[in-house]
Amino acid sequence: MKIGVVGCGLVGSTAAYALVMSGVGREIVLVDLKRARAEAEANDISHAIPFARPLVVRAGDYRDLAEARVVIIAGGVAQRPGETRLQLLQRNADVFRQIVPSVLHHAPDAVLLVVTNPVDIMTQLTAHFAAEFNVPATRVIGSGTTLDTARFRTLLGRHFDVDSRHVHAYVLGEHGDSEVLAWSQSTIAGLALNDFAKVHGRALTEADRAQIDENVRRAAYHIIAGKGATYYGIGGAVARIVDVLLHDQRAILTICSRINGVPDCDGVTLALPHLVGGGGALATIPLPLEESERAALRRSAGILREALQSLQLN
């Protein structure tokens, strides 16, 4: 099972490393505009293979993506300190006009997994270019709020002293400032958070909620301010998504894809829970949100819709 990674910056190379350490796939091909960077990353990652699972990691060109089952697109320019993801839009759009046709010319049957920010817009832009190759939008997905959801679950687990894998909570909408923490649909052991708090004996105050919201929503900004970029968390998220795609696991993930038939979000690419399998986004699962959450999701979709209109796609 071949996996392609286009763009060998910190995110792309860390995703490749996470794939190796998780034993996902059989062959990983790294492609970068700077061939020397791809070769260096492939060599470095290969040296970790004896401590992980038997895989082949090598540098290549677009033609080496032939027969890849999944191609991760992590190319583009990096987010600057203080810069919003949407401000990255125009700078990265031009890059994708070159990347997407180059990938699909050699790997027309691959599921495309977009990681480049602003990921919602870049995923819809990728689907737009991919449509010229008759690739359905369901086969073009983005990492969406998979990482934000993990952050939300981690912080709730930490607050209640519960393994975060047993916390069910979702972050919806834009992967960015307008994202929506779906508090009303968050559960532990089948109980709403306030009910679990009573059973557990640990209150969840409005101040606690506000702090968790801040730490989820602003996590990337804090990390970028401290060390220049985020890559470990998203690398782990990408490895998980690719594992689901390669093995048709039918997992529920908050990836982003073009939404159809969901009020307020129709025609926009954003994150909602999706059933994800070998063919990409198999189904969208709208949640029964509270009115304030629905309004926030509607606002998030509006921000993304406005950004898309600025691209003037034909």
C-alpha atoms as a PDB file:
ATOM      1  CA  MET A   1       0.000   0.000   0.000  1.00  0.00           C
ATOM      2  CA  LYS A   2       1.668   3.144  -1.277  1.00  0.00           C
ATOM      3  CA  ILE A   3       1.211   6.540   0.353  1.00  0.00           C
ATOM      4  CA  GLY A   4       2.390   9.787  -1.205  1.00  0.00           C
ATOM      5  CA  VAL A   5       3.379  12.894   0.726  1.00  0.00           C
ATOM      6  CA  VAL A   6       3.635  16.082  -1.309  1.00  0.00           C
ATOM      7  CA  GLY A   7       5.431  18.814   0.598  1.00  0.00           C
ATOM      8  CA  CYS A   8       8.243  17.833   2.954  1.00  0.00           C
ATOM      9  CA  GLY A   9       8.172  20.700   5.374  1.00  0.00           C
ATOM     10  CA  LEU A  10       7.656  20.139   9.076  1.00  0.00           C
ATOM     11  CA  VAL A  11       4.057  18.955   8.694  1.00  0.00           C
ATOM     12  CA  GLY A  12       4.600  16.639   5.734  1.00  0.00           C
ATOM     13  CA  SER A  13       7.766  15.059   7.109  1.00  0.00           C
ATOM     14  CA  THR A  14       6.309  14.662  10.603  1.00  0.00           C
ATOM     15  CA  ALA A  15       3.226  13.005   9.102  1.00  0.00           C
ATOM     16  CA  ALA A  16       5.523  10.580   7.258  1.00  0.00           C
ATOM     17  CA  TYR A  17       7.384   9.857  10.501  1.00  0.00           C
ATOM     18  CA  ALA A  18       4.075   9.256  12.323  1.00  0.00           C
ATOM     19  CA  LEU A  19       3.033   6.838   9.581  1.00  0.00           C
ATOM     20  CA  VAL A  20       6.275   4.899  10.037  1.00  0.00           C
ATOM     21  CA  MET A  21       6.023   4.771  13.817  1.00  0.00           C
ATOM     22  CA  SER A  22       2.393   3.637  13.559  1.00  0.00           C
ATOM     23  CA  GLY A  23       3.179   1.047  10.905  1.00  0.00           C
ATOM     24  CA  VAL A  24       0.687   2.485   8.425  1.00  0.00           C
ATOM     25  CA  GLY A  25       1.163   1.477   4.792  1.00  0.00           C
ATOM     26  CA  ARG A  26       4.020  -0.338   3.098  1.00  0.00           C
ATOM     27  CA  GLU A  27       5.704   2.349   0.986  1.00  0.00           C
ATOM     28  CA  ILE A  28       5.882   6.098   1.548  1.00  0.00           C
ATOM     29  CA  VAL A  29       7.043   8.381  -1.273  1.00  0.00           C
ATOM     30  CA  LEU A  30       8.102  11.913  -0.390  1.00  0.00           C
ATOM     31  CA  VAL A  31       7.808  14.603  -3.077  1.00  0.00           C
ATOM     32  CA  ASP A  32       9.005  18.154  -2.676  1.00  0.00           C
ATOM     33  CA  LEU A  33       9.890  21.074  -4.904  1.00  0.00           C
ATOM     34  CA  LYS A  34      13.345  20.833  -3.353  1.00  0.00           C
ATOM     35  CA  ARG A  35      14.407  17.273  -4.163  1.00  0.00           C
ATOM     36  CA  ALA A  36      17.313  17.479  -1.717  1.00  0.00           C
ATOM     37  CA  ARG A  37      14.864  18.173   1.128  1.00  0.00           C
ATOM     38  CA  ALA A  38      12.753  15.143   0.207  1.00  0.00           C
ATOM     39  CA  GLU A  39      15.833  12.922   0.049  1.00  0.00           C
ATOM     40  CA  ALA A  40      17.123  14.179   3.385  1.00  0.00           C
ATOM     41  CA  GLU A  41      13.784  13.624   5.109  1.00  0.00           C
ATOM     42  CA  ALA A  42      13.395  10.168   3.558  1.00  0.00           C
ATOM     43  CA  ASN A  43      16.860   9.146   4.741  1.00  0.00           C
ATOM     44  CA  ASP A  44      16.321  10.502   8.239  1.00  0.00           C
ATOM     45  CA  ILE A  45      12.929   8.826   8.634  1.00  0.00           C
ATOM     46  CA  SER A  46      14.267   5.565   7.211  1.00  0.00           C
ATOM     47  CA  HIS A  47      16.753   5.383  10.059  1.00  0.00           C
ATOM     48  CA  ALA A  48      13.823   5.033  12.493  1.00  0.00           C
ATOM     49  CA  ILE A  49      12.394   1.992  10.689  1.00  0.00           C
ATOM     50  CA  PRO A  50      14.443  -0.574  12.679  1.00  0.00           C
ATOM     51  CA  PHE A  51      12.725   0.767  15.810  1.00  0.00           C
ATOM     52  CA  ALA A  52       9.220   0.663  14.310  1.00  0.00           C
ATOM     53  CA  ARG A  53       7.627  -1.418  11.530  1.00  0.00           C
ATOM     54  CA  PRO A  54       9.066  -2.614   8.191  1.00  0.00           C
ATOM     55  CA  LEU A  55       8.285   0.070   5.626  1.00  0.00           C
ATOM     56  CA  VAL A  56       9.981   1.632   2.621  1.00  0.00           C
ATOM     57  CA  VAL A  57      10.464   5.403   2.714  1.00  0.00           C
ATOM     58  CA  ARG A  58      11.969   7.107  -0.307  1.00  0.00           C
ATOM     59  CA  ALA A  59      12.101  10.398  -2.154  1.00  0.00           C
ATOM     60  CA  GLY A  60      10.567  10.632  -5.598  1.00  0.00           C
ATOM     61  CA  ASP A  61       8.862  12.767  -8.204  1.00  0.00           C
ATOM     62  CA  TYR A  62       5.195  13.004  -9.106  1.00  0.00           C
ATOM     63  CA  ARG A  63       5.519  10.017 -11.437  1.00  0.00           C
ATOM     64  CA  ASP A  64       6.552   7.920  -8.425  1.00  0.00           C
ATOM     65  CA  LEU A  65       3.068   8.442  -6.964  1.00  0.00           C
ATOM     66  CA  ALA A  66       1.627   6.013  -9.511  1.00  0.00           C
ATOM     67  CA  GLU A  67      -0.746   3.512  -7.833  1.00  0.00           C
ATOM     68  CA  ALA A  68      -0.699   5.411  -4.519  1.00  0.00           C
ATOM     69  CA  ARG A  69      -3.849   4.707  -2.508  1.00  0.00           C
ATOM     70  CA  VAL A  70      -3.631   7.979  -0.568  1.00  0.00           C
ATOM     71  CA  VAL A  71      -1.735  11.169  -1.343  1.00  0.00           C
ATOM     72  CA  ILE A  72      -1.225  13.646   1.490  1.00  0.00           C
ATOM     73  CA  ILE A  73      -0.941  17.209   0.239  1.00  0.00           C
ATOM     74  CA  ALA A  74       1.066  19.275   2.705  1.00  0.00           C
ATOM     75  CA  GLY A  75       2.704  21.655   0.245  1.00  0.00           C
ATOM     76  CA  GLY A  76       2.442  25.399   0.492  1.00  0.00           C
ATOM     77  CA  VAL A  77       3.769  28.264   2.529  1.00  0.00           C
ATOM     78  CA  ALA A  78       3.836  28.186   6.320  1.00  0.00           C
ATOM     79  CA  GLN A  79       1.635  30.194   8.659  1.00  0.00           C
ATOM     80  CA  ARG A  80       3.396  33.217  10.077  1.00  0.00           C
ATOM     81  CA  PRO A  81       3.174  34.221  13.759  1.00  0.00           C
ATOM     82  CA  GLY A  82      -0.033  36.177  14.280  1.00  0.00           C
ATOM     83  CA  GLU A  83      -1.371  35.287  10.831  1.00  0.00           C
ATOM     84  CA  THR A  84      -4.827  33.717  10.594  1.00  0.00           C
ATOM     85  CA  ARG A  85      -5.318  30.630   8.484  1.00  0.00           C
ATOM     86  CA  LEU A  86      -7.562  32.512   6.098  1.00  0.00           C
ATOM     87  CA  GLN A  87      -4.809  35.050   5.437  1.00  0.00           C
ATOM     88  CA  LEU A  88      -2.815  32.172   3.989  1.00  0.00           C
ATOM     89  CA  LEU A  89      -5.448  31.623   1.330  1.00  0.00           C
ATOM     90  CA  GLN A  90      -4.185  33.556  -1.647  1.00  0.00           C
ATOM     91  CA  ARG A  91      -0.559  32.595  -1.074  1.00  0.00           C
ATOM     92  CA  ASN A  92      -1.353  28.895  -1.049  1.00  0.00           C
ATOM     93  CA  ALA A  93      -3.994  28.865  -3.782  1.00  0.00           C
ATOM     94  CA  ASP A  94      -1.376  29.455  -6.478  1.00  0.00           C
ATOM     95  CA  VAL A  95       0.698  26.541  -5.182  1.00  0.00           C
ATOM     96  CA  PHE A  96      -2.230  24.128  -5.469  1.00  0.00           C
ATOM     97  CA  ARG A  97      -2.898  25.071  -9.071  1.00  0.00           C
ATOM     98  CA  GLN A  98       0.351  23.264  -9.809  1.00  0.00           C
ATOM     99  CA  ILE A  99       0.226  20.433  -7.243  1.00  0.00           C
ATOM    100  CA  VAL A 100      -3.225  18.925  -7.763  1.00  0.00           C
ATOM    101  CA  PRO A 101      -3.029  18.271 -11.543  1.00  0.00           C
ATOM    102  CA  SER A 102       0.516  16.939 -11.113  1.00  0.00           C
ATOM    103  CA  VAL A 103      -0.664  14.413  -8.500  1.00  0.00           C
ATOM    104  CA  LEU A 104      -3.745  13.251 -10.378  1.00  0.00           C
ATOM    105  CA  HIS A 105      -1.936  12.863 -13.676  1.00  0.00           C
ATOM    106  CA  HIS A 106       0.029  10.019 -12.069  1.00  0.00           C
ATOM    107  CA  ALA A 107      -2.315   8.837  -9.267  1.00  0.00           C
ATOM    108  CA  PRO A 108      -5.840   9.304 -10.637  1.00  0.00           C
ATOM    109  CA  ASP A 109      -7.423   6.788  -8.229  1.00  0.00           C
ATOM    110  CA  ALA A 110      -5.898   8.112  -4.998  1.00  0.00           C
ATOM    111  CA  VAL A 111      -7.827   9.653  -2.135  1.00  0.00           C
ATOM    112  CA  LEU A 112      -6.429  13.153  -1.669  1.00  0.00           C
ATOM    113  CA  LEU A 113      -5.888  14.209   1.950  1.00  0.00           C
ATOM    114  CA  VAL A 114      -5.253  17.937   2.277  1.00  0.00           C
ATOM    115  CA  VAL A 115      -3.378  19.269   5.290  1.00  0.00           C
ATOM    116  CA  THR A 116      -2.229  22.682   4.067  1.00  0.00           C
ATOM    117  CA  ASN A 117      -3.862  25.663   5.776  1.00  0.00           C
ATOM    118  CA  PRO A 118      -6.392  27.159   5.531  1.00  0.00           C
ATOM    119  CA  VAL A 119      -7.376  23.527   5.199  1.00  0.00           C
ATOM    120  CA  ASP A 120     -11.116  23.956   4.558  1.00  0.00           C
ATOM    121  CA  ILE A 121     -10.562  26.347   1.669  1.00  0.00           C
ATOM    122  CA  MET A 122      -7.613  24.397   0.297  1.00  0.00           C
ATOM    123  CA  THR A 123      -9.673  21.200   0.366  1.00  0.00           C
ATOM    124  CA  GLN A 124     -12.484  22.806  -1.613  1.00  0.00           C
ATOM    125  CA  LEU A 125      -9.933  24.276  -4.011  1.00  0.00           C
ATOM    126  CA  THR A 126      -8.385  20.807  -4.409  1.00  0.00           C
ATOM    127  CA  ALA A 127     -11.806  19.311  -5.145  1.00  0.00           C
ATOM    128  CA  HIS A 128     -12.366  22.033  -7.738  1.00  0.00           C
ATOM    129  CA  PHE A 129      -9.149  21.162  -9.568  1.00  0.00           C
ATOM    130  CA  ALA A 130      -9.719  17.418  -9.098  1.00  0.00           C
ATOM    131  CA  ALA A 131     -13.140  17.633 -10.749  1.00  0.00           C
ATOM    132  CA  GLU A 132     -11.328  18.292 -14.039  1.00  0.00           C
ATOM    133  CA  PHE A 133     -10.003  14.717 -13.682  1.00  0.00           C
ATOM    134  CA  ASN A 134     -13.494  13.361 -12.861  1.00  0.00           C
ATOM    135  CA  VAL A 135     -12.534  12.791  -9.233  1.00  0.00           C
ATOM    136  CA  PRO A 136     -15.648  12.939  -7.008  1.00  0.00           C
ATOM    137  CA  ALA A 137     -15.592  15.442  -4.155  1.00  0.00           C
ATOM    138  CA  THR A 138     -15.966  12.583  -1.661  1.00  0.00           C
ATOM    139  CA  ARG A 139     -12.455  11.426  -2.579  1.00  0.00           C
ATOM    140  CA  VAL A 140     -10.981  14.803  -1.631  1.00  0.00           C
ATOM    141  CA  ILE A 141     -10.897  15.356   2.116  1.00  0.00           C
ATOM    142  CA  GLY A 142      -9.033  17.601   4.515  1.00  0.00           C
ATOM    143  CA  SER A 143      -7.739  17.022   8.025  1.00  0.00           C
ATOM    144  CA  GLY A 144     -10.443  19.481   9.112  1.00  0.00           C
ATOM    145  CA  THR A 145     -10.868  19.690  12.868  1.00  0.00           C
ATOM    146  CA  THR A 146      -9.493  16.214  13.578  1.00  0.00           C
ATOM    147  CA  LEU A 147      -6.700  17.797  15.602  1.00  0.00           C
ATOM    148  CA  ASP A 148      -9.002  20.357  17.249  1.00  0.00           C
ATOM    149  CA  THR A 149     -11.317  17.528  18.271  1.00  0.00           C
ATOM    150  CA  ALA A 150      -8.351  15.680  19.771  1.00  0.00           C
ATOM    151  CA  ARG A 151      -7.381  18.822  21.686  1.00  0.00           C
ATOM    152  CA  PHE A 152     -10.951  19.194  22.976  1.00  0.00           C
ATOM    153  CA  ARG A 153     -11.088  15.574  24.126  1.00  0.00           C
ATOM    154  CA  THR A 154      -7.636  15.807  25.691  1.00  0.00           C
ATOM    155  CA  LEU A 155      -8.545  18.856  27.747  1.00  0.00           C
ATOM    156  CA  LEU A 156     -11.879  17.386  28.862  1.00  0.00           C
ATOM    157  CA  GLY A 157     -10.118  14.166  29.826  1.00  0.00           C
ATOM    158  CA  ARG A 158      -7.511  16.111  31.755  1.00  0.00           C
ATOM    159  CA  HIS A 159     -10.196  18.099  33.566  1.00  0.00           C
ATOM    160  CA  PHE A 160     -12.122  15.004  34.630  1.00  0.00           C
ATOM    161  CA  ASP A 161      -9.048  12.768  35.010  1.00  0.00           C
ATOM    162  CA  VAL A 162     -10.400  10.364  32.387  1.00  0.00           C
ATOM    163  CA  ASP A 163      -8.576   8.721  29.490  1.00  0.00           C
ATOM    164  CA  SER A 164      -9.304  11.046  26.554  1.00  0.00           C
ATOM    165  CA  ARG A 165     -10.053   8.043  24.324  1.00  0.00           C
ATOM    166  CA  HIS A 166     -13.244   7.612  26.347  1.00  0.00           C
ATOM    167  CA  VAL A 167     -14.355  11.212  25.853  1.00  0.00           C
ATOM    168  CA  HIS A 168     -16.740  11.793  22.955  1.00  0.00           C
ATOM    169  CA  ALA A 169     -16.681  15.417  21.833  1.00  0.00           C
ATOM    170  CA  TYR A 170     -16.437  17.214  18.500  1.00  0.00           C
ATOM    171  CA  VAL A 171     -15.168  20.492  17.108  1.00  0.00           C
ATOM    172  CA  LEU A 172     -17.092  21.609  14.018  1.00  0.00           C
ATOM    173  CA  GLY A 173     -16.839  24.172  11.249  1.00  0.00           C
ATOM    174  CA  GLU A 174     -13.694  25.968  10.189  1.00  0.00           C
ATOM    175  CA  HIS A 175     -10.313  24.708  11.345  1.00  0.00           C
ATOM    176  CA  GLY A 176      -9.593  28.139  12.732  1.00  0.00           C
ATOM    177  CA  ASP A 177     -10.916  31.067  14.689  1.00  0.00           C
ATOM    178  CA  SER A 178     -14.626  30.453  14.035  1.00  0.00           C
ATOM    179  CA  GLU A 179     -14.622  26.757  14.923  1.00  0.00           C
ATOM    180  CA  VAL A 180     -17.459  25.501  17.115  1.00  0.00           C
ATOM    181  CA  LEU A 181     -16.992  23.341  20.205  1.00  0.00           C
ATOM    182  CA  ALA A 182     -20.115  21.179  20.337  1.00  0.00           C
ATOM    183  CA  TRP A 183     -20.535  21.181  24.116  1.00  0.00           C
ATOM    184  CA  SER A 184     -24.148  20.012  23.945  1.00  0.00           C
ATOM    185  CA  GLN A 185     -23.120  16.779  22.210  1.00  0.00           C
ATOM    186  CA  SER A 186     -20.101  16.007  24.413  1.00  0.00           C
ATOM    187  CA  THR A 187     -20.365  12.872  26.547  1.00  0.00           C
ATOM    188  CA  ILE A 188     -18.370  10.615  28.844  1.00  0.00           C
ATOM    189  CA  ALA A 189     -19.684   7.123  29.608  1.00  0.00           C
ATOM    190  CA  GLY A 190     -22.862   8.040  27.754  1.00  0.00           C
ATOM    191  CA  LEU A 191     -23.560  10.977  30.076  1.00  0.00           C
ATOM    192  CA  ALA A 192     -23.713  14.650  29.193  1.00  0.00           C
ATOM    193  CA  LEU A 193     -20.807  16.526  30.760  1.00  0.00           C
ATOM    194  CA  ASN A 194     -22.873  18.162  33.501  1.00  0.00           C
ATOM    195  CA  ASP A 195     -24.358  14.796  34.445  1.00  0.00           C
ATOM    196  CA  PHE A 196     -20.953  13.135  34.445  1.00  0.00           C
ATOM    197  CA  ALA A 197     -19.629  15.971  36.601  1.00  0.00           C
ATOM    198  CA  LYS A 198     -22.250  15.182  39.237  1.00  0.00           C
ATOM    199  CA  VAL A 199     -21.443  11.474  39.209  1.00  0.00           C
ATOM    200  CA  HIS A 200     -17.713  12.070  39.179  1.00  0.00           C
ATOM    201  CA  GLY A 201     -17.788  14.808  41.798  1.00  0.00           C
ATOM    202  CA  ARG A 202     -15.802  17.264  39.684  1.00  0.00           C
ATOM    203  CA  ALA A 203     -17.638  20.416  38.617  1.00  0.00           C
ATOM    204  CA  LEU A 204     -17.379  21.890  35.143  1.00  0.00           C
ATOM    205  CA  THR A 205     -17.880  25.611  35.650  1.00  0.00           C
ATOM    206  CA  GLU A 206     -18.395  28.320  33.050  1.00  0.00           C
ATOM    207  CA  ALA A 207     -14.845  29.453  33.783  1.00  0.00           C
ATOM    208  CA  ASP A 208     -13.606  25.916  33.088  1.00  0.00           C
ATOM    209  CA  ARG A 209     -15.489  25.863  29.796  1.00  0.00           C
ATOM    210  CA  ALA A 210     -14.089  29.238  28.797  1.00  0.00           C
ATOM    211  CA  GLN A 211     -10.552  28.109  29.567  1.00  0.00           C
ATOM    212  CA  ILE A 212     -10.949  24.889  27.599  1.00  0.00           C
ATOM    213  CA  ASP A 213     -12.456  26.821  24.692  1.00  0.00           C
ATOM    214  CA  GLU A 214      -9.488  29.209  24.711  1.00  0.00           C
ATOM    215  CA  ASN A 215      -6.964  26.393  24.863  1.00  0.00           C
ATOM    216  CA  VAL A 216      -8.604  24.564  21.954  1.00  0.00           C
ATOM    217  CA  ARG A 217      -9.336  27.572  19.753  1.00  0.00           C
ATOM    218  CA  ARG A 218      -6.004  29.339  20.292  1.00  0.00           C
ATOM    219  CA  ALA A 219      -3.733  26.307  20.600  1.00  0.00           C
ATOM    220  CA  ALA A 220      -2.007  26.788  17.255  1.00  0.00           C
ATOM    221  CA  TYR A 221      -1.307  30.458  17.926  1.00  0.00           C
ATOM    222  CA  HIS A 222       0.289  29.707  21.289  1.00  0.00           C
ATOM    223  CA  ILE A 223       2.437  26.936  19.800  1.00  0.00           C
ATOM    224  CA  ILE A 224       3.492  29.006  16.792  1.00  0.00           C
ATOM    225  CA  ALA A 225       4.423  31.911  19.063  1.00  0.00           C
ATOM    226  CA  GLY A 226       6.573  29.597  21.154  1.00  0.00           C
ATOM    227  CA  LYS A 227       8.320  27.492  18.510  1.00  0.00           C
ATOM    228  CA  GLY A 228       7.301  28.718  15.071  1.00  0.00           C
ATOM    229  CA  ALA A 229       5.038  25.899  13.846  1.00  0.00           C
ATOM    230  CA  THR A 230       2.762  23.031  14.846  1.00  0.00           C
ATOM    231  CA  TYR A 231       3.488  19.567  13.489  1.00  0.00           C
ATOM    232  CA  TYR A 232       3.436  16.731  16.043  1.00  0.00           C
ATOM    233  CA  GLY A 233      -0.297  16.809  16.698  1.00  0.00           C
ATOM    234  CA  ILE A 234      -1.272  17.129  13.048  1.00  0.00           C
ATOM    235  CA  GLY A 235       1.256  14.442  12.113  1.00  0.00           C
ATOM    236  CA  GLY A 236      -0.491  12.026  14.460  1.00  0.00           C
ATOM    237  CA  ALA A 237      -3.905  13.056  13.133  1.00  0.00           C
ATOM    238  CA  VAL A 238      -2.820  12.457   9.537  1.00  0.00           C
ATOM    239  CA  ALA A 239      -1.475   8.998  10.391  1.00  0.00           C
ATOM    240  CA  ARG A 240      -4.823   8.099  11.950  1.00  0.00           C
ATOM    241  CA  ILE A 241      -6.810   9.314   8.933  1.00  0.00           C
ATOM    242  CA  VAL A 242      -4.569   7.456   6.475  1.00  0.00           C
ATOM    243  CA  ASP A 243      -4.897   4.261   8.515  1.00  0.00           C
ATOM    244  CA  VAL A 244      -8.686   4.579   8.304  1.00  0.00           C
ATOM    245  CA  LEU A 245      -8.541   5.166   4.539  1.00  0.00           C
ATOM    246  CA  LEU A 246      -6.158   2.319   3.743  1.00  0.00           C
ATOM    247  CA  HIS A 247      -8.036  -0.255   5.798  1.00  0.00           C
ATOM    248  CA  ASP A 248     -11.586   0.984   5.144  1.00  0.00           C
ATOM    249  CA  GLN A 249     -12.176   1.216   8.889  1.00  0.00           C
ATOM    250  CA  ARG A 250     -15.461   3.144   8.685  1.00  0.00           C
ATOM    251  CA  ALA A 251     -14.418   5.508  11.489  1.00  0.00           C
ATOM    252  CA  ILE A 252     -16.218   8.665  12.574  1.00  0.00           C
ATOM    253  CA  LEU A 253     -13.810  11.563  12.110  1.00  0.00           C
ATOM    254  CA  THR A 254     -14.227  15.336  11.926  1.00  0.00           C
ATOM    255  CA  ILE A 255     -12.487  15.613   8.579  1.00  0.00           C
ATOM    256  CA  CYS A 256     -13.633  18.347   6.227  1.00  0.00           C
ATOM    257  CA  SER A 257     -15.277  17.752   2.879  1.00  0.00           C
ATOM    258  CA  ARG A 258     -17.819  19.546   0.736  1.00  0.00           C
ATOM    259  CA  ILE A 259     -21.135  19.490   2.580  1.00  0.00           C
ATOM    260  CA  ASN A 260     -24.346  18.699   0.732  1.00  0.00           C
ATOM    261  CA  GLY A 261     -27.847  18.722   2.140  1.00  0.00           C
ATOM    262  CA  VAL A 262     -27.023  20.151   5.584  1.00  0.00           C
ATOM    263  CA  PRO A 263     -28.834  23.435   6.307  1.00  0.00           C
ATOM    264  CA  ASP A 264     -26.580  26.499   6.629  1.00  0.00           C
ATOM    265  CA  CYS A 265     -23.524  24.549   5.396  1.00  0.00           C
ATOM    266  CA  ASP A 266     -24.647  23.404   1.953  1.00  0.00           C
ATOM    267  CA  GLY A 267     -21.962  23.810  -0.703  1.00  0.00           C
ATOM    268  CA  VAL A 268     -19.226  24.727   1.775  1.00  0.00           C
ATOM    269  CA  THR A 269     -16.259  22.587   2.762  1.00  0.00           C
ATOM    270  CA  LEU A 270     -15.970  22.414   6.535  1.00  0.00           C
ATOM    271  CA  ALA A 271     -15.675  19.890   9.345  1.00  0.00           C
ATOM    272  CA  LEU A 272     -18.563  17.800  10.586  1.00  0.00           C
ATOM    273  CA  PRO A 273     -18.470  14.215  11.821  1.00  0.00           C
ATOM    274  CA  HIS A 274     -18.068  11.996   8.764  1.00  0.00           C
ATOM    275  CA  LEU A 275     -18.123   8.275   8.192  1.00  0.00           C
ATOM    276  CA  VAL A 276     -14.695   7.726   6.634  1.00  0.00           C
ATOM    277  CA  GLY A 277     -13.559   4.631   4.755  1.00  0.00           C
ATOM    278  CA  GLY A 278     -11.561   3.485   1.768  1.00  0.00           C
ATOM    279  CA  GLY A 279     -13.448   5.733  -0.643  1.00  0.00           C
ATOM    280  CA  GLY A 280     -12.970   8.881   1.422  1.00  0.00           C
ATOM    281  CA  ALA A 281     -15.909  10.720   2.990  1.00  0.00           C
ATOM    282  CA  LEU A 282     -18.708   8.145   2.818  1.00  0.00           C
ATOM    283  CA  ALA A 283     -21.395  10.065   4.716  1.00  0.00           C
ATOM    284  CA  THR A 284     -21.889  13.314   6.597  1.00  0.00           C
ATOM    285  CA  ILE A 285     -23.381  13.136  10.089  1.00  0.00           C
ATOM    286  CA  PRO A 286     -25.075  16.387  11.166  1.00  0.00           C
ATOM    287  CA  LEU A 287     -25.441  16.783  14.928  1.00  0.00           C
ATOM    288  CA  PRO A 288     -28.575  18.001  16.746  1.00  0.00           C
ATOM    289  CA  LEU A 289     -26.962  21.169  18.058  1.00  0.00           C
ATOM    290  CA  GLU A 290     -28.340  23.784  20.414  1.00  0.00           C
ATOM    291  CA  GLU A 291     -29.492  26.979  18.733  1.00  0.00           C
ATOM    292  CA  SER A 292     -26.426  28.961  19.855  1.00  0.00           C
ATOM    293  CA  GLU A 293     -24.159  26.275  18.416  1.00  0.00           C
ATOM    294  CA  ARG A 294     -26.121  26.202  15.177  1.00  0.00           C
ATOM    295  CA  ALA A 295     -25.763  29.972  14.910  1.00  0.00           C
ATOM    296  CA  ALA A 296     -22.026  29.690  15.491  1.00  0.00           C
ATOM    297  CA  LEU A 297     -21.726  26.969  12.824  1.00  0.00           C
ATOM    298  CA  ARG A 298     -23.759  29.099  10.423  1.00  0.00           C
ATOM    299  CA  ARG A 299     -21.390  32.001  11.083  1.00  0.00           C
ATOM    300  CA  SER A 300     -18.357  29.753  10.504  1.00  0.00           C
ATOM    301  CA  ALA A 301     -19.802  28.527   7.201  1.00  0.00           C
ATOM    302  CA  GLY A 302     -20.444  32.127   6.183  1.00  0.00           C
ATOM    303  CA  ILE A 303     -16.820  33.084   6.790  1.00  0.00           C
ATOM    304  CA  LEU A 304     -15.632  30.198   4.646  1.00  0.00           C
ATOM    305  CA  ARG A 305     -18.198  30.920   1.929  1.00  0.00           C
ATOM    306  CA  GLU A 306     -17.004  34.533   1.744  1.00  0.00           C
ATOM    307  CA  ALA A 307     -13.381  33.404   1.474  1.00  0.00           C
ATOM    308  CA  LEU A 308     -14.291  31.014  -1.339  1.00  0.00           C
ATOM    309  CA  GLN A 309     -16.071  33.770  -3.220  1.00  0.00           C
ATOM    310  CA  SER A 310     -12.888  35.831  -3.083  1.00  0.00           C
ATOM    311  CA  LEU A 311     -11.162  33.149  -5.170  1.00  0.00           C
ATOM    312  CA  GLN A 312     -13.680  33.613  -7.993  1.00  0.00           C
ATOM    313  CA  LEU A 313     -13.536  29.961  -9.021  1.00  0.00           C
ATOM    314  CA  ASN A 314     -15.074  29.233 -12.407  1.00  0.00           C
END
